[in-house]
Each structure stands twice: as structure tokens, then as C-alpha cells.
C-alpha atoms as a PDB file:
ATOM      1  CA  MET A   1     -13.787 -29.504  -2.863  1.00  0.00           C
ATOM      2  CA  SER A   2     -12.491 -26.022  -3.008  1.00  0.00           C
ATOM      3  CA  ARG A   3      -9.102 -25.305  -1.623  1.00  0.00           C
ATOM      4  CA  VAL A   4      -8.584 -22.697   0.663  1.00  0.00           C
ATOM      5  CA  GLY A   5      -5.170 -20.644   0.786  1.00  0.00           C
ATOM      6  CA  VAL A   6      -4.528 -17.148   2.395  1.00  0.00           C
ATOM      7  CA  LEU A   7      -1.651 -14.691   1.068  1.00  0.00           C
ATOM      8  CA  VAL A   8       0.216 -12.953   3.610  1.00  0.00           C
ATOM      9  CA  LEU A   9       1.397  -9.466   2.242  1.00  0.00           C
ATOM     10  CA  GLY A  10       3.039  -6.577   3.503  1.00  0.00           C
ATOM     11  CA  PRO A  11       6.204  -4.369   3.573  1.00  0.00           C
ATOM     12  CA  ALA A  12       9.703  -6.011   4.488  1.00  0.00           C
ATOM     13  CA  GLY A  13       9.959  -6.032   8.212  1.00  0.00           C
ATOM     14  CA  ALA A  14       6.074  -6.377   8.913  1.00  0.00           C
ATOM     15  CA  GLY A  15       6.069  -9.473  10.361  1.00  0.00           C
ATOM     16  CA  LYS A  16       4.852 -11.892   7.605  1.00  0.00           C
ATOM     17  CA  SER A  17       6.926 -14.693   8.325  1.00  0.00           C
ATOM     18  CA  THR A  18       6.212 -14.569  11.996  1.00  0.00           C
ATOM     19  CA  PHE A  19       2.682 -14.564  11.435  1.00  0.00           C
ATOM     20  CA  CYS A  20       2.722 -17.285   9.281  1.00  0.00           C
ATOM     21  CA  ASN A  21       4.725 -19.690  11.929  1.00  0.00           C
ATOM     22  CA  SER A  22       1.959 -18.159  14.580  1.00  0.00           C
ATOM     23  CA  ILE A  23      -0.684 -19.320  12.352  1.00  0.00           C
ATOM     24  CA  ILE A  24       0.319 -22.650  11.831  1.00  0.00           C
ATOM     25  CA  THR A  25       1.535 -23.349  15.459  1.00  0.00           C
ATOM     26  CA  HIS A  26      -2.165 -22.358  16.444  1.00  0.00           C
ATOM     27  CA  MET A  27      -3.768 -24.769  13.774  1.00  0.00           C
ATOM     28  CA  GLN A  28      -1.648 -27.566  14.919  1.00  0.00           C
ATOM     29  CA  SER A  29      -2.658 -26.850  18.563  1.00  0.00           C
ATOM     30  CA  ILE A  30      -6.537 -27.271  17.379  1.00  0.00           C
ATOM     31  CA  GLY A  31      -5.719 -30.258  15.295  1.00  0.00           C
ATOM     32  CA  ARG A  32      -5.680 -28.632  11.967  1.00  0.00           C
ATOM     33  CA  ARG A  33      -2.847 -28.718   9.183  1.00  0.00           C
ATOM     34  CA  ALA A  34      -1.316 -26.154   7.227  1.00  0.00           C
ATOM     35  CA  HIS A  35       1.609 -25.635   5.110  1.00  0.00           C
ATOM     36  CA  ILE A  36       3.764 -22.539   4.025  1.00  0.00           C
ATOM     37  CA  VAL A  37       4.263 -21.785   0.370  1.00  0.00           C
ATOM     38  CA  ASN A  38       7.048 -19.699  -0.054  1.00  0.00           C
ATOM     39  CA  LEU A  39       7.026 -17.166  -2.821  1.00  0.00           C
ATOM     40  CA  ASP A  40       9.742 -15.234  -1.769  1.00  0.00           C
ATOM     41  CA  PRO A  41      12.855 -15.975  -3.826  1.00  0.00           C
ATOM     42  CA  ALA A  42      15.035 -14.793  -1.315  1.00  0.00           C
ATOM     43  CA  ALA A  43      13.468 -15.850   1.937  1.00  0.00           C
ATOM     44  CA  GLU A  44      14.951 -18.407   4.280  1.00  0.00           C
ATOM     45  CA  ALA A  45      12.516 -20.903   6.462  1.00  0.00           C
ATOM     46  CA  THR A  46      12.444 -20.133  10.335  1.00  0.00           C
ATOM     47  CA  LYS A  47      10.394 -21.939  12.481  1.00  0.00           C
ATOM     48  CA  TYR A  48       8.526 -24.126  10.259  1.00  0.00           C
ATOM     49  CA  GLU A  49      10.110 -25.590   6.850  1.00  0.00           C
ATOM     50  CA  PHE A  50       8.681 -24.305   3.813  1.00  0.00           C
ATOM     51  CA  THR A  51       6.498 -27.257   1.952  1.00  0.00           C
ATOM     52  CA  ILE A  52       6.904 -25.804  -1.395  1.00  0.00           C
ATOM     53  CA  ASP A  53       9.341 -23.208  -2.269  1.00  0.00           C
ATOM     54  CA  ILE A  54       9.982 -20.832  -4.954  1.00  0.00           C
ATOM     55  CA  ARG A  55      13.510 -21.381  -4.615  1.00  0.00           C
ATOM     56  CA  ASP A  56      13.462 -24.970  -5.759  1.00  0.00           C
ATOM     57  CA  LEU A  57      12.433 -23.372  -9.298  1.00  0.00           C
ATOM     58  CA  ILE A  58      14.465 -20.078  -8.980  1.00  0.00           C
ATOM     59  CA  SER A  59      16.450 -18.025  -6.154  1.00  0.00           C
ATOM     60  CA  LEU A  60      17.432 -14.284  -6.147  1.00  0.00           C
ATOM     61  CA  GLU A  61      20.740 -14.891  -5.645  1.00  0.00           C
ATOM     62  CA  ASP A  62      21.221 -17.061  -8.548  1.00  0.00           C
ATOM     63  CA  VAL A  63      19.291 -14.385 -10.985  1.00  0.00           C
ATOM     64  CA  MET A  64      21.651 -11.674  -9.503  1.00  0.00           C
ATOM     65  CA  GLU A  65      24.928 -13.672  -9.768  1.00  0.00           C
ATOM     66  CA  GLU A  66      24.120 -14.759 -13.710  1.00  0.00           C
ATOM     67  CA  PHE A  67      22.330 -11.735 -14.906  1.00  0.00           C
ATOM     68  CA  GLY A  68      24.269  -8.914 -12.860  1.00  0.00           C
ATOM     69  CA  LEU A  69      20.888  -7.517 -11.660  1.00  0.00           C
ATOM     70  CA  GLY A  70      20.321  -5.603  -8.278  1.00  0.00           C
ATOM     71  CA  PRO A  71      17.668  -7.391  -5.725  1.00  0.00           C
ATOM     72  CA  ASN A  72      14.524  -5.424  -7.178  1.00  0.00           C
ATOM     73  CA  GLY A  73      15.116  -6.307 -10.762  1.00  0.00           C
ATOM     74  CA  SER A  74      16.064  -9.776  -9.861  1.00  0.00           C
ATOM     75  CA  LEU A  75      12.801 -10.273  -8.129  1.00  0.00           C
ATOM     76  CA  ILE A  76      10.862  -9.072 -10.723  1.00  0.00           C
ATOM     77  CA  TYR A  77      12.984 -11.604 -13.312  1.00  0.00           C
ATOM     78  CA  CYS A  78      12.036 -14.605 -10.684  1.00  0.00           C
ATOM     79  CA  PHE A  79       8.213 -13.949 -10.855  1.00  0.00           C
ATOM     80  CA  GLU A  80       8.307 -13.492 -14.815  1.00  0.00           C
ATOM     81  CA  TYR A  81       9.796 -16.627 -14.638  1.00  0.00           C
ATOM     82  CA  LEU A  82       7.580 -18.435 -12.190  1.00  0.00           C
ATOM     83  CA  LEU A  83       4.649 -17.000 -14.484  1.00  0.00           C
ATOM     84  CA  ASN A  84       5.988 -18.681 -17.617  1.00  0.00           C
ATOM     85  CA  ASN A  85       6.364 -21.953 -15.450  1.00  0.00           C
ATOM     86  CA  LEU A  86       2.894 -22.147 -13.632  1.00  0.00           C
ATOM     87  CA  ASP A  87       2.895 -25.819 -14.317  1.00  0.00           C
ATOM     88  CA  TRP A  88       5.611 -26.182 -11.828  1.00  0.00           C
ATOM     89  CA  LEU A  89       3.565 -24.413  -9.171  1.00  0.00           C
ATOM     90  CA  ASP A  90       0.554 -26.603 -10.350  1.00  0.00           C
ATOM     91  CA  GLU A  91       2.589 -29.690  -9.713  1.00  0.00           C
ATOM     92  CA  GLU A  92       3.968 -28.685  -6.523  1.00  0.00           C
ATOM     93  CA  ILE A  93       0.491 -27.796  -4.892  1.00  0.00           C
ATOM     94  CA  GLY A  94      -1.090 -31.035  -6.726  1.00  0.00           C
ATOM     95  CA  ASP A  95      -0.462 -33.193  -3.786  1.00  0.00           C
ATOM     96  CA  TYR A  96      -2.052 -31.098  -1.203  1.00  0.00           C
ATOM     97  CA  ASN A  97      -5.941 -31.456  -2.556  1.00  0.00           C
ATOM     98  CA  ASP A  98      -7.581 -30.543   0.932  1.00  0.00           C
ATOM     99  CA  GLU A  99      -4.600 -28.742   2.853  1.00  0.00           C
ATOM    100  CA  TYR A 100      -4.778 -25.095   4.283  1.00  0.00           C
ATOM    101  CA  LEU A 101      -1.972 -23.140   2.362  1.00  0.00           C
ATOM    102  CA  ILE A 102      -0.087 -20.080   3.333  1.00  0.00           C
ATOM    103  CA  PHE A 103       1.256 -18.010   0.883  1.00  0.00           C
ATOM    104  CA  ASP A 104       4.108 -16.441   2.361  1.00  0.00           C
ATOM    105  CA  CYS A 105       4.908 -13.172  -0.206  1.00  0.00           C
ATOM    106  CA  PRO A 106       8.134 -11.008  -0.768  1.00  0.00           C
ATOM    107  CA  GLY A 107       8.184  -7.798   1.186  1.00  0.00           C
ATOM    108  CA  GLN A 108       8.467  -5.697  -2.069  1.00  0.00           C
ATOM    109  CA  ILE A 109       4.941  -3.969  -2.165  1.00  0.00           C
ATOM    110  CA  GLU A 110       5.150  -2.973  -5.858  1.00  0.00           C
ATOM    111  CA  LEU A 111       4.694  -6.789  -6.910  1.00  0.00           C
ATOM    112  CA  TYR A 112       0.887  -6.584  -5.558  1.00  0.00           C
ATOM    113  CA  THR A 113       0.603  -2.735  -5.716  1.00  0.00           C
ATOM    114  CA  HIS A 114       1.894  -1.725  -9.136  1.00  0.00           C
ATOM    115  CA  ILE A 115       2.926  -4.672 -11.248  1.00  0.00           C
ATOM    116  CA  PRO A 116       0.359  -7.122 -12.016  1.00  0.00           C
ATOM    117  CA  VAL A 117       2.632 -10.369 -11.358  1.00  0.00           C
ATOM    118  CA  LEU A 118       0.697 -11.426  -7.957  1.00  0.00           C
ATOM    119  CA  PRO A 119      -2.557 -10.536  -9.437  1.00  0.00           C
ATOM    120  CA  THR A 120      -1.987 -13.288 -12.388  1.00  0.00           C
ATOM    121  CA  ILE A 121      -1.112 -15.948 -10.135  1.00  0.00           C
ATOM    122  CA  VAL A 122      -4.034 -15.220  -8.019  1.00  0.00           C
ATOM    123  CA  ARG A 123      -6.169 -15.653 -10.949  1.00  0.00           C
ATOM    124  CA  HIS A 124      -4.223 -18.900 -11.749  1.00  0.00           C
ATOM    125  CA  LEU A 125      -4.891 -20.116  -8.174  1.00  0.00           C
ATOM    126  CA  GLN A 126      -8.525 -19.599  -8.216  1.00  0.00           C
ATOM    127  CA  ASN A 127      -9.687 -20.327 -11.777  1.00  0.00           C
ATOM    128  CA  GLN A 128      -7.191 -23.359 -12.470  1.00  0.00           C
ATOM    129  CA  LEU A 129      -6.786 -24.927  -9.148  1.00  0.00           C
ATOM    130  CA  ASN A 130     -10.128 -23.970  -7.659  1.00  0.00           C
ATOM    131  CA  PHE A 131      -8.767 -22.258  -4.382  1.00  0.00           C
ATOM    132  CA  ASN A 132     -11.045 -19.965  -2.181  1.00  0.00           C
ATOM    133  CA  LEU A 133      -8.211 -17.149  -1.544  1.00  0.00           C
ATOM    134  CA  CYS A 134      -8.074 -14.568   1.237  1.00  0.00           C
ATOM    135  CA  ALA A 135      -5.345 -11.673   1.507  1.00  0.00           C
ATOM    136  CA  THR A 136      -3.793 -10.505   4.754  1.00  0.00           C
ATOM    137  CA  TYR A 137      -1.951  -7.218   4.574  1.00  0.00           C
ATOM    138  CA  LEU A 138       0.394  -6.475   7.536  1.00  0.00           C
ATOM    139  CA  LEU A 139       1.393  -3.153   8.970  1.00  0.00           C
ATOM    140  CA  GLU A 140       3.662  -2.610  11.938  1.00  0.00           C
ATOM    141  CA  ALA A 141       2.080  -1.150  14.970  1.00  0.00           C
ATOM    142  CA  PRO A 142       4.990   1.044  15.816  1.00  0.00           C
ATOM    143  CA  PHE A 143       4.944   2.627  12.165  1.00  0.00           C
ATOM    144  CA  VAL A 144       1.176   3.518  11.991  1.00  0.00           C
ATOM    145  CA  ILE A 145       1.348   5.494  15.322  1.00  0.00           C
ATOM    146  CA  ASP A 146       3.225   8.385  13.249  1.00  0.00           C
ATOM    147  CA  THR A 147      -0.237   9.507  11.642  1.00  0.00           C
ATOM    148  CA  SER A 148       1.339  10.393   8.531  1.00  0.00           C
ATOM    149  CA  LYS A 149       2.977   6.953   8.071  1.00  0.00           C
ATOM    150  CA  PHE A 150      -0.508   5.672   8.749  1.00  0.00           C
ATOM    151  CA  PHE A 151      -1.984   7.174   5.696  1.00  0.00           C
ATOM    152  CA  SER A 152       1.193   6.012   3.841  1.00  0.00           C
ATOM    153  CA  GLY A 153       0.233   2.268   5.015  1.00  0.00           C
ATOM    154  CA  ALA A 154      -3.310   2.862   4.253  1.00  0.00           C
ATOM    155  CA  LEU A 155      -2.907   3.644   0.891  1.00  0.00           C
ATOM    156  CA  SER A 156      -0.479   0.874  -0.061  1.00  0.00           C
ATOM    157  CA  ALA A 157      -3.099  -1.587   1.634  1.00  0.00           C
ATOM    158  CA  MET A 158      -5.753  -0.014  -0.696  1.00  0.00           C
ATOM    159  CA  SER A 159      -3.777  -0.558  -3.498  1.00  0.00           C
ATOM    160  CA  ALA A 160      -3.253  -4.048  -2.859  1.00  0.00           C
ATOM    161  CA  MET A 161      -6.864  -4.517  -2.186  1.00  0.00           C
ATOM    162  CA  ILE A 162      -8.020  -3.073  -5.128  1.00  0.00           C
ATOM    163  CA  LEU A 163      -5.511  -4.790  -7.516  1.00  0.00           C
ATOM    164  CA  LEU A 164      -5.858  -8.148  -6.289  1.00  0.00           C
ATOM    165  CA  GLU A 165      -9.886  -8.107  -5.709  1.00  0.00           C
ATOM    166  CA  LEU A 166      -9.491 -10.511  -3.012  1.00  0.00           C
ATOM    167  CA  PRO A 167     -11.206 -10.564   0.654  1.00  0.00           C
ATOM    168  CA  HIS A 168      -8.805  -8.624   2.572  1.00  0.00           C
ATOM    169  CA  ILE A 169      -7.837  -8.401   6.081  1.00  0.00           C
ATOM    170  CA  ASN A 170      -5.792  -5.769   7.181  1.00  0.00           C
ATOM    171  CA  ILE A 171      -3.555  -6.399  10.260  1.00  0.00           C
ATOM    172  CA  LEU A 172      -1.694  -4.588  12.787  1.00  0.00           C
ATOM    173  CA  SER A 173       1.360  -6.446  13.871  1.00  0.00           C
ATOM    174  CA  LYS A 174       4.194  -6.154  16.327  1.00  0.00           C
ATOM    175  CA  LEU A 175       1.774  -4.869  19.131  1.00  0.00           C
ATOM    176  CA  ASP A 176       3.833  -6.104  21.549  1.00  0.00           C
ATOM    177  CA  LEU A 177       6.907  -3.633  20.652  1.00  0.00           C
ATOM    178  CA  VAL A 178       4.541  -0.616  21.766  1.00  0.00           C
ATOM    179  CA  LYS A 179       5.478  -0.290  25.442  1.00  0.00           C
ATOM    180  CA  ASP A 180       4.432   3.161  26.269  1.00  0.00           C
ATOM    181  CA  SER A 181       1.014   3.617  27.523  1.00  0.00           C
ATOM    182  CA  HIS A 182       0.414   6.822  25.626  1.00  0.00           C
ATOM    183  CA  ASN A 183       1.230   5.223  22.579  1.00  0.00           C
ATOM    184  CA  LYS A 184      -0.892   2.123  23.387  1.00  0.00           C
ATOM    185  CA  LYS A 185      -4.039   4.491  23.815  1.00  0.00           C
ATOM    186  CA  THR A 186      -3.288   6.371  20.571  1.00  0.00           C
ATOM    187  CA  LEU A 187      -2.920   3.046  18.944  1.00  0.00           C
ATOM    188  CA  LYS A 188      -6.618   2.093  19.361  1.00  0.00           C
ATOM    189  CA  LYS A 189      -7.924   4.943  17.131  1.00  0.00           C
ATOM    190  CA  PHE A 190      -6.017   3.243  14.448  1.00  0.00           C
ATOM    191  CA  LEU A 191      -7.767  -0.175  14.430  1.00  0.00           C
ATOM    192  CA  ASN A 192     -10.989   1.429  13.221  1.00  0.00           C
ATOM    193  CA  PRO A 193      -9.829   4.802  12.048  1.00  0.00           C
ATOM    194  CA  ASP A 194     -11.653   8.026  10.882  1.00  0.00           C
ATOM    195  CA  PRO A 195      -9.625   9.585   8.281  1.00  0.00           C
ATOM    196  CA  LEU A 196     -10.950  12.660   8.302  1.00  0.00           C
ATOM    197  CA  LEU A 197     -10.449  13.208  12.184  1.00  0.00           C
ATOM    198  CA  LEU A 198      -6.786  11.947  11.680  1.00  0.00           C
ATOM    199  CA  THR A 199      -6.279  15.108   9.398  1.00  0.00           C
ATOM    200  CA  ASP A 200      -5.688  17.735  11.653  1.00  0.00           C
ATOM    201  CA  LYS A 201      -2.860  15.765  13.415  1.00  0.00           C
ATOM    202  CA  VAL A 202      -1.129  15.350  10.197  1.00  0.00           C
ATOM    203  CA  ASN A 203      -1.537  19.131   9.407  1.00  0.00           C
ATOM    204  CA  GLU A 204       0.258  19.984  12.671  1.00  0.00           C
ATOM    205  CA  GLU A 205       3.042  18.017  11.700  1.00  0.00           C
ATOM    206  CA  THR A 206       3.547  18.899   8.131  1.00  0.00           C
ATOM    207  CA  ASN A 207       4.517  21.925   5.899  1.00  0.00           C
ATOM    208  CA  PRO A 208       1.140  24.017   5.194  1.00  0.00           C
ATOM    209  CA  ARG A 209       1.842  23.636   1.427  1.00  0.00           C
ATOM    210  CA  PHE A 210       0.759  19.898   1.706  1.00  0.00           C
ATOM    211  CA  HIS A 211      -2.392  20.409   3.989  1.00  0.00           C
ATOM    212  CA  LYS A 212      -4.623  20.191   0.794  1.00  0.00           C
ATOM    213  CA  LEU A 213      -3.022  16.908  -0.341  1.00  0.00           C
ATOM    214  CA  ASN A 214      -3.129  15.541   3.348  1.00  0.00           C
ATOM    215  CA  GLU A 215      -6.995  16.615   2.952  1.00  0.00           C
ATOM    216  CA  ALA A 216      -7.293  14.996  -0.395  1.00  0.00           C
ATOM    217  CA  ILE A 217      -5.758  11.261   0.627  1.00  0.00           C
ATOM    218  CA  ALA A 218      -8.017  11.248   3.889  1.00  0.00           C
ATOM    219  CA  ASN A 219     -11.097  11.778   1.726  1.00  0.00           C
ATOM    220  CA  LEU A 220      -9.687   9.220  -0.705  1.00  0.00           C
ATOM    221  CA  VAL A 221      -9.294   6.622   2.285  1.00  0.00           C
ATOM    222  CA  ASP A 222     -12.733   7.713   4.060  1.00  0.00           C
ATOM    223  CA  ASP A 223     -14.575   7.402   0.378  1.00  0.00           C
ATOM    224  CA  PHE A 224     -13.264   4.009   0.148  1.00  0.00           C
ATOM    225  CA  GLY A 225     -14.249   2.891   3.849  1.00  0.00           C
ATOM    226  CA  MET A 226     -12.254  -0.285   3.630  1.00  0.00           C
ATOM    227  CA  VAL A 227      -9.101   0.567   6.158  1.00  0.00           C
ATOM    228  CA  GLN A 228      -9.675  -1.342   9.039  1.00  0.00           C
ATOM    229  CA  PHE A 229      -7.238  -3.291  10.989  1.00  0.00           C
ATOM    230  CA  LEU A 230      -7.206  -6.282  13.545  1.00  0.00           C
ATOM    231  CA  PRO A 231      -4.801  -6.250  16.568  1.00  0.00           C
ATOM    232  CA  LEU A 232      -1.790  -9.039  16.107  1.00  0.00           C
ATOM    233  CA  GLU A 233       0.508 -10.170  19.005  1.00  0.00           C
ATOM    234  CA  ALA A 234       2.364 -13.092  17.364  1.00  0.00           C
ATOM    235  CA  LYS A 235       2.567 -14.782  20.817  1.00  0.00           C
ATOM    236  CA  ASN A 236      -0.913 -14.339  21.904  1.00  0.00           C
ATOM    237  CA  THR A 237      -2.990 -17.131  21.178  1.00  0.00           C
ATOM    238  CA  GLU A 238      -6.158 -15.409  21.449  1.00  0.00           C
ATOM    239  CA  SER A 239      -4.927 -12.560  19.112  1.00  0.00           C
ATOM    240  CA  VAL A 240      -3.969 -15.176  16.616  1.00  0.00           C
ATOM    241  CA  ALA A 241      -7.401 -17.218  17.116  1.00  0.00           C
ATOM    242  CA  THR A 242      -9.350 -14.219  16.298  1.00  0.00           C
ATOM    243  CA  ILE A 243      -7.448 -13.439  13.175  1.00  0.00           C
ATOM    244  CA  LEU A 244      -7.755 -17.055  11.650  1.00  0.00           C
ATOM    245  CA  SER A 245     -11.468 -17.059  12.702  1.00  0.00           C
ATOM    246  CA  TYR A 246     -11.880 -13.757  10.253  1.00  0.00           C
ATOM    247  CA  ILE A 247      -9.812 -15.737   7.809  1.00  0.00           C
ATOM    248  CA  ASP A 248     -12.050 -18.926   8.042  1.00  0.00           C
ATOM    249  CA  ASP A 249     -15.222 -16.602   7.346  1.00  0.00           C
ATOM    250  CA  VAL A 250     -14.182 -15.081   4.247  1.00  0.00           C
ATOM    251  CA  THR A 251     -12.619 -18.204   2.789  1.00  0.00           C
ATOM    252  CA  GLN A 252     -15.428 -20.278   3.784  1.00  0.00           C
ATOM    253  CA  TRP A 253     -13.054 -22.908   5.185  1.00  0.00           C
ATOM    254  CA  ALA A 254     -16.037 -24.801   7.484  1.00  0.00           C
ATOM    255  CA  GLU A 255     -18.110 -25.050   4.271  1.00  0.00           C
ATOM    256  CA  ALA A 256     -15.447 -26.732   2.351  1.00  0.00           C
ATOM    257  CA  GLN A 257     -14.803 -29.597   4.807  1.00  0.00           C
ATOM    258  CA  GLU A 258     -16.167 -33.022   4.375  1.00  0.00           C
ATOM    259  CA  PRO A 259     -18.939 -33.766   6.761  1.00  0.00           C
ATOM    260  CA  LYS A 260     -18.006 -36.263   9.398  1.00  0.00           C
ATOM    261  CA  GLU A 261     -19.858 -39.278   9.973  1.00  0.00           C
ATOM    262  CA  PRO A 262     -21.747 -39.461  13.791  1.00  0.00           C
ATOM    263  CA  ASN A 263     -19.630 -42.083  14.796  1.00  0.00           C
ATOM    264  CA  ASP A 264     -16.082 -40.604  13.320  1.00  0.00           C
ATOM    265  CA  GLN A 265     -17.142 -37.525  15.424  1.00  0.00           C
ATOM    266  CA  ILE A 266     -17.840 -39.533  18.550  1.00  0.00           C
ATOM    267  CA  GLU A 267     -14.288 -41.179  18.254  1.00  0.00           C
ATOM    268  CA  ILE A 268     -12.490 -37.876  18.089  1.00  0.00           C
ATOM    269  CA  ASP A 269     -14.532 -36.338  21.101  1.00  0.00           C
ATOM    270  CA  ASP A 270     -13.413 -39.161  23.060  1.00  0.00           C
ATOM    271  CA  MET A 271      -9.789 -39.043  22.486  1.00  0.00           C
END
């Protein structure tokens, strides 16, 4: 039976850990089990403890102290060390054959937009551990209201989509932080954006020398036609349930479940 895994990606501060906790809370409320696999060597557990934690293998703090590297250099070292010790990851995951694993990834997006670190891990999970994987990419809703920042976020999301080659769900997080009614109305056009219509707005806010560049970026995003977003309010059960349903669809979670005997189903329904 195929395993199911969800990679939670996005820049630092986008709400990845909160999203992981919200997904697990919702899954527990409907009788499903899930575990967080922490792939950030600098992260601390929040609401739920990490079931599998890269810091049990190597931590950012130890690397910085031992080698005198900065945070980014130490992070790359940690992942190179993980790639050389994938048997550790195999052993840790080995006890969770039919569990739903949520991989909480670092906020340094160069790890999945420029450096082939996470793509290597993804291929290993797919080919060696038989995972059906889905990538979720989070951007903050207050961030993308600024149209120029939207294009920046859209390009980073596209880069991750192309490099990882996984079913990909883009998410606008922290909708609850958008309080102004005008901004709430503006936000709707970013859920299923038309990049070409947004170009005029960007050109109004930037120096004329950048207008051709803005148009080129808008055309690039439009040509790929891949950048759409689902809204996320972490404390809204319906919002979390909708996103989970999309994840289940693309990972074929239902098809991977063992069929239940009729008597077992009756017992469950009677509980």
C-alpha cells in the first residue's frame, strides 16, 4: 500500500507550522491519524510534538557552533548531512507504514527553488519508500495584497512547482490578519489571479524603466497558468477541511486505504 506524505513549503513566517498543527487537529477530530516530520534543523515543536525530527540527527545550532558557519550555510550543511544519511530517515519512517506524514520544511526557500536538496529527498521518498506526495506552498495573504509582492511570491511558488515536480497546492495563509474590508475585497482577485490584468496595477507603483520587466513576468506567470490559491484560516475548520480534501484528492488517499469489512463499518457507525 502506498504511503501518503504532504510537504509544507513556503518562506519564513508564512504559517507553515500553524498549518501543520491545524491539519492534524482537524484530522484527529474526524478520526484520522497524522504525524509531523520536522525537516527544519532549527525548528521547535509548537502544539504537537514532532514524531520524526531531523534534530535527532543533526541540529543547526550544533553546526554553527562547531564549524563557525552562518545560519544559511549551516542549513545547507545539515541537509547535505541528511542526504548522506538517508538510511536514518528510512529507519525513522519505517515504523509508520500506513500513517499520514506531514513534512514541515524550512523557510529558506532556496532549498526547493535553487538547490536540488529537497528534490533529492522527494525522489527518495517516492522511489525507495513508496510515498504518494503532495506539495503545499504557503504565502501570507497580507503579503500578496501588494501586487508587486504577489508576483514575487508567484515566481517562488512556480519555481518550487517546477523543481519538485509534484502535485502542488498553493495556499494563501493568515486570511484572518486581513481586517480592512477593501483589502478583503482586493484579496479575492489573488485566489484565481489574472496576471495580465494585474500588470497595470504594478506599473502604476513602479518606475517606468521596469514596466517591460513587469509585463514579461506577468506573461510568464500567465503562460504557465499554474498559480492559483486556496484560502486558509487556520482556526476555521471549514477552511482547513477544504484544503485537506484537495490534498486527499491529489495524493489519492482514499484509494490507498484498506477496504473495511461490512461488520467493521457497522461497528464504527454505531460508536
